[in-house]
Amino acid sequence: MIVGIGVDVVDVDRFRASIEKTPRLVEKLFHEEERDMSVESLAARFAAKEALAKAMGSPGQMLWHDAIIRRITGTQPVIEVHGSVAAMAAEKGVRHFHLSLSHDGGIATAFVIAEG
């Protein structure tokens, strides 16, 4: 059963400008395992976290570091949840997240399905 869906789009140049202006933003938004990526990949991961929040009903109490977008060699990225995000998922009956990421033409896009 689908509990929720979320989609988000990020302008890569605008995202780049934001992190250049406020370098600590990378530390605020991303788990240390996510930080060593291209700006396009970071923008896609930011879009994924926004899409995840939307799929969960946009709860404001979710912490950015409690959702990690993991790269798995030979397969698609996956969402790993901890802490506040895991608690919200359990409360809503979410057992699995489906994730699709793309970045092309200066736009990063993410689509998340929360499945119960």
N, C-alpha and C. Protein backbone atom coordinates (compact mmCIF):
# COMPACT_ATOMS: atom_id res chain seq x y z
N MET A 1 0.84 -1.17 0.00
CA MET A 1 0.00 0.00 0.00
C MET A 1 0.89 1.24 0.00
N ILE A 2 0.54 2.20 -0.85
CA ILE A 2 1.28 3.46 -0.90
C ILE A 2 0.78 4.37 0.21
N VAL A 3 1.71 4.79 1.06
CA VAL A 3 1.40 5.69 2.17
C VAL A 3 1.51 7.14 1.69
N GLY A 4 2.46 7.42 0.81
CA GLY A 4 2.63 8.77 0.30
C GLY A 4 3.61 8.80 -0.84
N ILE A 5 3.54 9.88 -1.63
CA ILE A 5 4.49 10.10 -2.71
C ILE A 5 5.01 11.54 -2.58
N GLY A 6 6.21 11.75 -3.06
CA GLY A 6 6.78 13.08 -3.05
C GLY A 6 7.71 13.26 -4.23
N VAL A 7 7.76 14.48 -4.73
CA VAL A 7 8.66 14.82 -5.82
C VAL A 7 9.25 16.19 -5.53
N ASP A 8 10.49 16.40 -5.94
CA ASP A 8 11.11 17.70 -5.78
C ASP A 8 12.10 17.93 -6.91
N VAL A 9 12.24 19.20 -7.26
CA VAL A 9 13.14 19.63 -8.33
C VAL A 9 14.04 20.73 -7.77
N VAL A 10 15.34 20.64 -8.06
CA VAL A 10 16.31 21.62 -7.57
C VAL A 10 17.10 22.16 -8.75
N ASP A 11 17.19 23.49 -8.84
CA ASP A 11 18.04 24.14 -9.83
C ASP A 11 19.48 24.01 -9.34
N VAL A 12 20.32 23.30 -10.08
CA VAL A 12 21.68 23.00 -9.64
C VAL A 12 22.50 24.27 -9.46
N ASP A 13 22.42 25.22 -10.37
CA ASP A 13 23.20 26.46 -10.23
C ASP A 13 22.78 27.25 -9.00
N ARG A 14 21.50 27.30 -8.74
CA ARG A 14 21.01 28.00 -7.54
C ARG A 14 21.48 27.28 -6.28
N PHE A 15 21.45 25.94 -6.29
CA PHE A 15 21.93 25.16 -5.16
C PHE A 15 23.42 25.40 -4.95
N ARG A 16 24.20 25.41 -6.05
CA ARG A 16 25.64 25.67 -5.98
C ARG A 16 25.89 27.03 -5.35
N ALA A 17 25.15 28.04 -5.78
CA ALA A 17 25.32 29.39 -5.23
C ALA A 17 25.01 29.42 -3.74
N SER A 18 24.01 28.68 -3.33
CA SER A 18 23.64 28.63 -1.91
C SER A 18 24.74 28.02 -1.06
N ILE A 19 25.33 26.92 -1.54
CA ILE A 19 26.38 26.30 -0.73
C ILE A 19 27.70 27.06 -0.81
N GLU A 20 27.92 27.81 -1.88
CA GLU A 20 29.11 28.67 -1.95
C GLU A 20 28.96 29.85 -1.00
N LYS A 21 27.76 30.39 -0.91
CA LYS A 21 27.49 31.52 -0.03
C LYS A 21 27.51 31.08 1.44
N THR A 22 26.99 29.88 1.71
CA THR A 22 26.89 29.35 3.08
C THR A 22 27.46 27.94 3.10
N PRO A 23 28.80 27.81 3.17
CA PRO A 23 29.43 26.48 3.11
C PRO A 23 28.95 25.50 4.19
N ARG A 24 28.57 26.00 5.35
CA ARG A 24 28.10 25.11 6.42
C ARG A 24 26.77 24.45 6.09
N LEU A 25 26.13 24.92 5.03
CA LEU A 25 24.87 24.33 4.60
C LEU A 25 25.05 22.85 4.25
N VAL A 26 26.19 22.51 3.68
CA VAL A 26 26.46 21.11 3.33
C VAL A 26 26.47 20.25 4.60
N GLU A 27 27.10 20.75 5.66
CA GLU A 27 27.12 20.02 6.93
C GLU A 27 25.73 19.90 7.54
N LYS A 28 24.92 20.95 7.37
CA LYS A 28 23.57 20.95 7.94
C LYS A 28 22.65 19.96 7.21
N LEU A 29 22.77 19.89 5.88
CA LEU A 29 21.84 19.11 5.07
C LEU A 29 22.22 17.65 4.88
N PHE A 30 23.52 17.37 4.93
CA PHE A 30 23.98 16.05 4.52
C PHE A 30 24.78 15.33 5.60
N HIS A 31 24.55 14.04 5.69
CA HIS A 31 25.34 13.17 6.55
C HIS A 31 26.76 13.16 6.01
N GLU A 32 27.74 12.95 6.87
CA GLU A 32 29.14 12.99 6.44
C GLU A 32 29.43 12.03 5.28
N GLU A 33 28.70 10.94 5.18
CA GLU A 33 28.92 9.98 4.10
C GLU A 33 28.43 10.49 2.75
N GLU A 34 27.60 11.53 2.75
CA GLU A 34 27.05 12.07 1.51
C GLU A 34 27.85 13.27 0.98
N ARG A 35 28.65 13.89 1.80
CA ARG A 35 29.23 15.20 1.50
C ARG A 35 30.27 15.22 0.39
N ASP A 36 30.95 14.13 0.14
CA ASP A 36 32.03 14.10 -0.84
C ASP A 36 31.52 13.71 -2.22
N MET A 37 30.59 14.52 -2.74
CA MET A 37 29.98 14.26 -4.05
C MET A 37 29.95 15.54 -4.86
N SER A 38 29.71 15.39 -6.14
CA SER A 38 29.58 16.56 -7.01
C SER A 38 28.37 17.38 -6.59
N VAL A 39 28.35 18.64 -6.98
CA VAL A 39 27.22 19.50 -6.63
C VAL A 39 25.93 18.98 -7.26
N GLU A 40 26.01 18.36 -8.42
CA GLU A 40 24.83 17.78 -9.06
C GLU A 40 24.25 16.64 -8.21
N SER A 41 25.15 15.80 -7.69
CA SER A 41 24.70 14.69 -6.85
C SER A 41 24.15 15.19 -5.52
N LEU A 42 24.78 16.23 -4.96
CA LEU A 42 24.25 16.80 -3.72
C LEU A 42 22.88 17.43 -3.95
N ALA A 43 22.71 18.11 -5.07
CA ALA A 43 21.41 18.71 -5.38
C ALA A 43 20.35 17.62 -5.53
N ALA A 44 20.70 16.50 -6.15
CA ALA A 44 19.75 15.40 -6.30
C ALA A 44 19.41 14.80 -4.94
N ARG A 45 20.38 14.71 -4.05
CA ARG A 45 20.12 14.18 -2.72
C ARG A 45 19.29 15.15 -1.88
N PHE A 46 19.52 16.44 -2.06
CA PHE A 46 18.66 17.42 -1.39
C PHE A 46 17.22 17.28 -1.90
N ALA A 47 17.08 17.13 -3.21
CA ALA A 47 15.74 16.92 -3.78
C ALA A 47 15.12 15.65 -3.21
N ALA A 48 15.93 14.61 -3.02
CA ALA A 48 15.41 13.35 -2.47
C ALA A 48 14.91 13.54 -1.04
N LYS A 49 15.64 14.30 -0.25
CA LYS A 49 15.21 14.53 1.14
C LYS A 49 13.94 15.37 1.19
N GLU A 50 13.83 16.34 0.29
CA GLU A 50 12.60 17.14 0.20
C GLU A 50 11.44 16.25 -0.26
N ALA A 51 11.67 15.40 -1.24
CA ALA A 51 10.63 14.50 -1.73
C ALA A 51 10.23 13.50 -0.65
N LEU A 52 11.20 13.05 0.13
CA LEU A 52 10.91 12.15 1.25
C LEU A 52 9.99 12.84 2.26
N ALA A 53 10.31 14.08 2.60
CA ALA A 53 9.47 14.82 3.54
C ALA A 53 8.04 14.97 3.00
N LYS A 54 7.92 15.24 1.71
CA LYS A 54 6.60 15.36 1.09
C LYS A 54 5.85 14.03 1.12
N ALA A 55 6.56 12.94 0.86
CA ALA A 55 5.93 11.62 0.90
C ALA A 55 5.44 11.28 2.31
N MET A 56 6.09 11.87 3.31
CA MET A 56 5.72 11.62 4.70
C MET A 56 4.72 12.66 5.22
N GLY A 57 4.23 13.51 4.34
CA GLY A 57 3.26 14.53 4.76
C GLY A 57 3.90 15.82 5.21
N SER A 58 5.17 16.03 4.85
CA SER A 58 5.94 17.24 5.17
C SER A 58 6.04 17.54 6.67
N PRO A 59 6.35 16.54 7.49
CA PRO A 59 6.51 16.82 8.92
C PRO A 59 7.76 17.65 9.19
N GLY A 60 7.58 18.75 9.90
CA GLY A 60 8.70 19.65 10.16
C GLY A 60 9.71 19.14 11.16
N GLN A 61 9.38 18.09 11.90
CA GLN A 61 10.28 17.61 12.94
C GLN A 61 11.34 16.63 12.43
N MET A 62 11.33 16.31 11.15
CA MET A 62 12.34 15.40 10.61
C MET A 62 13.69 16.12 10.50
N LEU A 63 14.76 15.46 10.91
CA LEU A 63 16.11 16.02 10.83
C LEU A 63 16.79 15.55 9.55
N TRP A 64 17.48 16.48 8.87
CA TRP A 64 18.13 16.18 7.59
C TRP A 64 19.08 15.00 7.67
N HIS A 65 19.88 14.90 8.75
CA HIS A 65 20.88 13.83 8.87
C HIS A 65 20.26 12.47 9.14
N ASP A 66 18.98 12.44 9.48
CA ASP A 66 18.32 11.17 9.78
C ASP A 66 17.85 10.44 8.52
N ALA A 67 18.11 11.03 7.37
CA ALA A 67 17.85 10.36 6.08
C ALA A 67 19.14 10.42 5.27
N ILE A 68 19.66 9.27 4.92
CA ILE A 68 20.90 9.19 4.13
C ILE A 68 20.55 8.57 2.79
N ILE A 69 20.98 9.23 1.72
CA ILE A 69 20.79 8.70 0.37
C ILE A 69 22.08 7.96 0.02
N ARG A 70 22.00 6.64 0.02
CA ARG A 70 23.19 5.80 -0.17
C ARG A 70 23.36 5.39 -1.62
N ARG A 71 24.60 5.41 -2.04
CA ARG A 71 24.96 4.86 -3.35
C ARG A 71 25.27 3.38 -3.15
N ILE A 72 24.68 2.58 -4.00
CA ILE A 72 24.95 1.14 -3.98
C ILE A 72 25.52 0.78 -5.35
N THR A 73 26.74 0.29 -5.37
CA THR A 73 27.38 -0.04 -6.64
C THR A 73 26.54 -1.03 -7.43
N GLY A 74 26.27 -0.69 -8.68
CA GLY A 74 25.54 -1.60 -9.56
C GLY A 74 24.03 -1.54 -9.44
N THR A 75 23.51 -0.64 -8.61
CA THR A 75 22.07 -0.52 -8.46
C THR A 75 21.70 0.94 -8.17
N GLN A 76 20.44 1.18 -8.01
CA GLN A 76 19.97 2.55 -7.77
C GLN A 76 20.25 2.98 -6.33
N PRO A 77 20.31 4.29 -6.08
CA PRO A 77 20.49 4.77 -4.71
C PRO A 77 19.29 4.37 -3.85
N VAL A 78 19.53 4.27 -2.54
CA VAL A 78 18.47 3.91 -1.60
C VAL A 78 18.43 4.94 -0.47
N ILE A 79 17.26 5.01 0.18
CA ILE A 79 17.10 5.87 1.34
C ILE A 79 17.25 5.03 2.59
N GLU A 80 18.16 5.44 3.46
CA GLU A 80 18.35 4.79 4.75
C GLU A 80 17.87 5.79 5.81
N VAL A 81 16.97 5.38 6.68
CA VAL A 81 16.41 6.30 7.67
C VAL A 81 16.80 5.90 9.09
N HIS A 82 16.97 6.91 9.93
CA HIS A 82 17.32 6.75 11.33
C HIS A 82 16.52 7.78 12.14
N GLY A 83 16.61 7.69 13.45
CA GLY A 83 16.10 8.71 14.34
C GLY A 83 14.73 9.24 14.02
N SER A 84 14.64 10.56 13.82
CA SER A 84 13.35 11.23 13.62
C SER A 84 12.62 10.73 12.37
N VAL A 85 13.35 10.43 11.31
CA VAL A 85 12.71 9.97 10.07
C VAL A 85 12.21 8.54 10.25
N ALA A 86 13.00 7.69 10.89
CA ALA A 86 12.57 6.31 11.15
C ALA A 86 11.34 6.30 12.07
N ALA A 87 11.32 7.17 13.07
CA ALA A 87 10.17 7.24 13.97
C ALA A 87 8.92 7.67 13.24
N MET A 88 9.04 8.67 12.37
CA MET A 88 7.88 9.14 11.60
C MET A 88 7.41 8.05 10.64
N ALA A 89 8.35 7.35 10.02
CA ALA A 89 7.99 6.26 9.10
C ALA A 89 7.23 5.17 9.85
N ALA A 90 7.72 4.80 11.03
CA ALA A 90 7.05 3.77 11.83
C ALA A 90 5.65 4.22 12.23
N GLU A 91 5.53 5.48 12.61
CA GLU A 91 4.22 6.02 13.00
C GLU A 91 3.22 5.97 11.85
N LYS A 92 3.71 6.18 10.63
CA LYS A 92 2.83 6.19 9.46
C LYS A 92 2.70 4.81 8.82
N GLY A 93 3.43 3.82 9.34
CA GLY A 93 3.35 2.46 8.80
C GLY A 93 4.18 2.25 7.55
N VAL A 94 5.18 3.09 7.33
CA VAL A 94 6.04 2.96 6.14
C VAL A 94 7.10 1.90 6.42
N ARG A 95 7.20 0.95 5.51
CA ARG A 95 8.18 -0.12 5.65
C ARG A 95 9.31 -0.03 4.63
N HIS A 96 9.05 0.69 3.53
CA HIS A 96 10.04 0.76 2.45
C HIS A 96 9.86 2.06 1.68
N PHE A 97 10.98 2.59 1.21
CA PHE A 97 10.95 3.77 0.34
C PHE A 97 11.51 3.39 -1.03
N HIS A 98 10.84 3.85 -2.06
CA HIS A 98 11.33 3.71 -3.44
C HIS A 98 11.84 5.08 -3.85
N LEU A 99 12.99 5.12 -4.52
CA LEU A 99 13.64 6.38 -4.86
C LEU A 99 14.11 6.38 -6.31
N SER A 100 13.84 7.48 -6.98
CA SER A 100 14.38 7.70 -8.32
C SER A 100 15.02 9.08 -8.34
N LEU A 101 16.28 9.16 -8.79
CA LEU A 101 17.02 10.42 -8.88
C LEU A 101 17.45 10.67 -10.31
N SER A 102 17.53 11.94 -10.67
CA SER A 102 18.06 12.31 -11.98
C SER A 102 18.62 13.72 -11.90
N HIS A 103 19.68 13.97 -12.65
CA HIS A 103 20.15 15.34 -12.81
C HIS A 103 20.66 15.50 -14.24
N ASP A 104 20.08 16.50 -14.92
CA ASP A 104 20.41 16.76 -16.32
C ASP A 104 19.95 18.17 -16.66
N GLY A 105 20.68 18.83 -17.52
CA GLY A 105 20.27 20.14 -17.99
C GLY A 105 20.16 21.18 -16.88
N GLY A 106 20.97 21.03 -15.83
CA GLY A 106 20.96 22.00 -14.74
C GLY A 106 19.86 21.81 -13.72
N ILE A 107 19.13 20.70 -13.81
CA ILE A 107 18.04 20.41 -12.88
C ILE A 107 18.29 19.04 -12.24
N ALA A 108 18.09 18.98 -10.92
CA ALA A 108 18.13 17.70 -10.19
C ALA A 108 16.71 17.39 -9.75
N THR A 109 16.30 16.14 -9.94
CA THR A 109 14.93 15.73 -9.64
C THR A 109 14.96 14.45 -8.80
N ALA A 110 14.01 14.36 -7.87
CA ALA A 110 13.87 13.14 -7.08
C ALA A 110 12.39 12.82 -6.92
N PHE A 111 12.10 11.54 -6.93
CA PHE A 111 10.74 11.04 -6.73
C PHE A 111 10.82 9.96 -5.67
N VAL A 112 9.97 10.05 -4.65
CA VAL A 112 9.96 9.08 -3.55
C VAL A 112 8.56 8.52 -3.37
N ILE A 113 8.49 7.20 -3.21
CA ILE A 113 7.23 6.54 -2.84
C ILE A 113 7.47 5.90 -1.48
N ALA A 114 6.61 6.22 -0.52
CA ALA A 114 6.63 5.60 0.80
C ALA A 114 5.61 4.47 0.78
N GLU A 115 6.08 3.25 1.03
CA GLU A 115 5.22 2.07 0.95
C GLU A 115 5.03 1.45 2.32
N GLY A 116 3.79 1.08 2.62
CA GLY A 116 3.47 0.45 3.91
C GLY A 116 3.31 -1.03 3.76
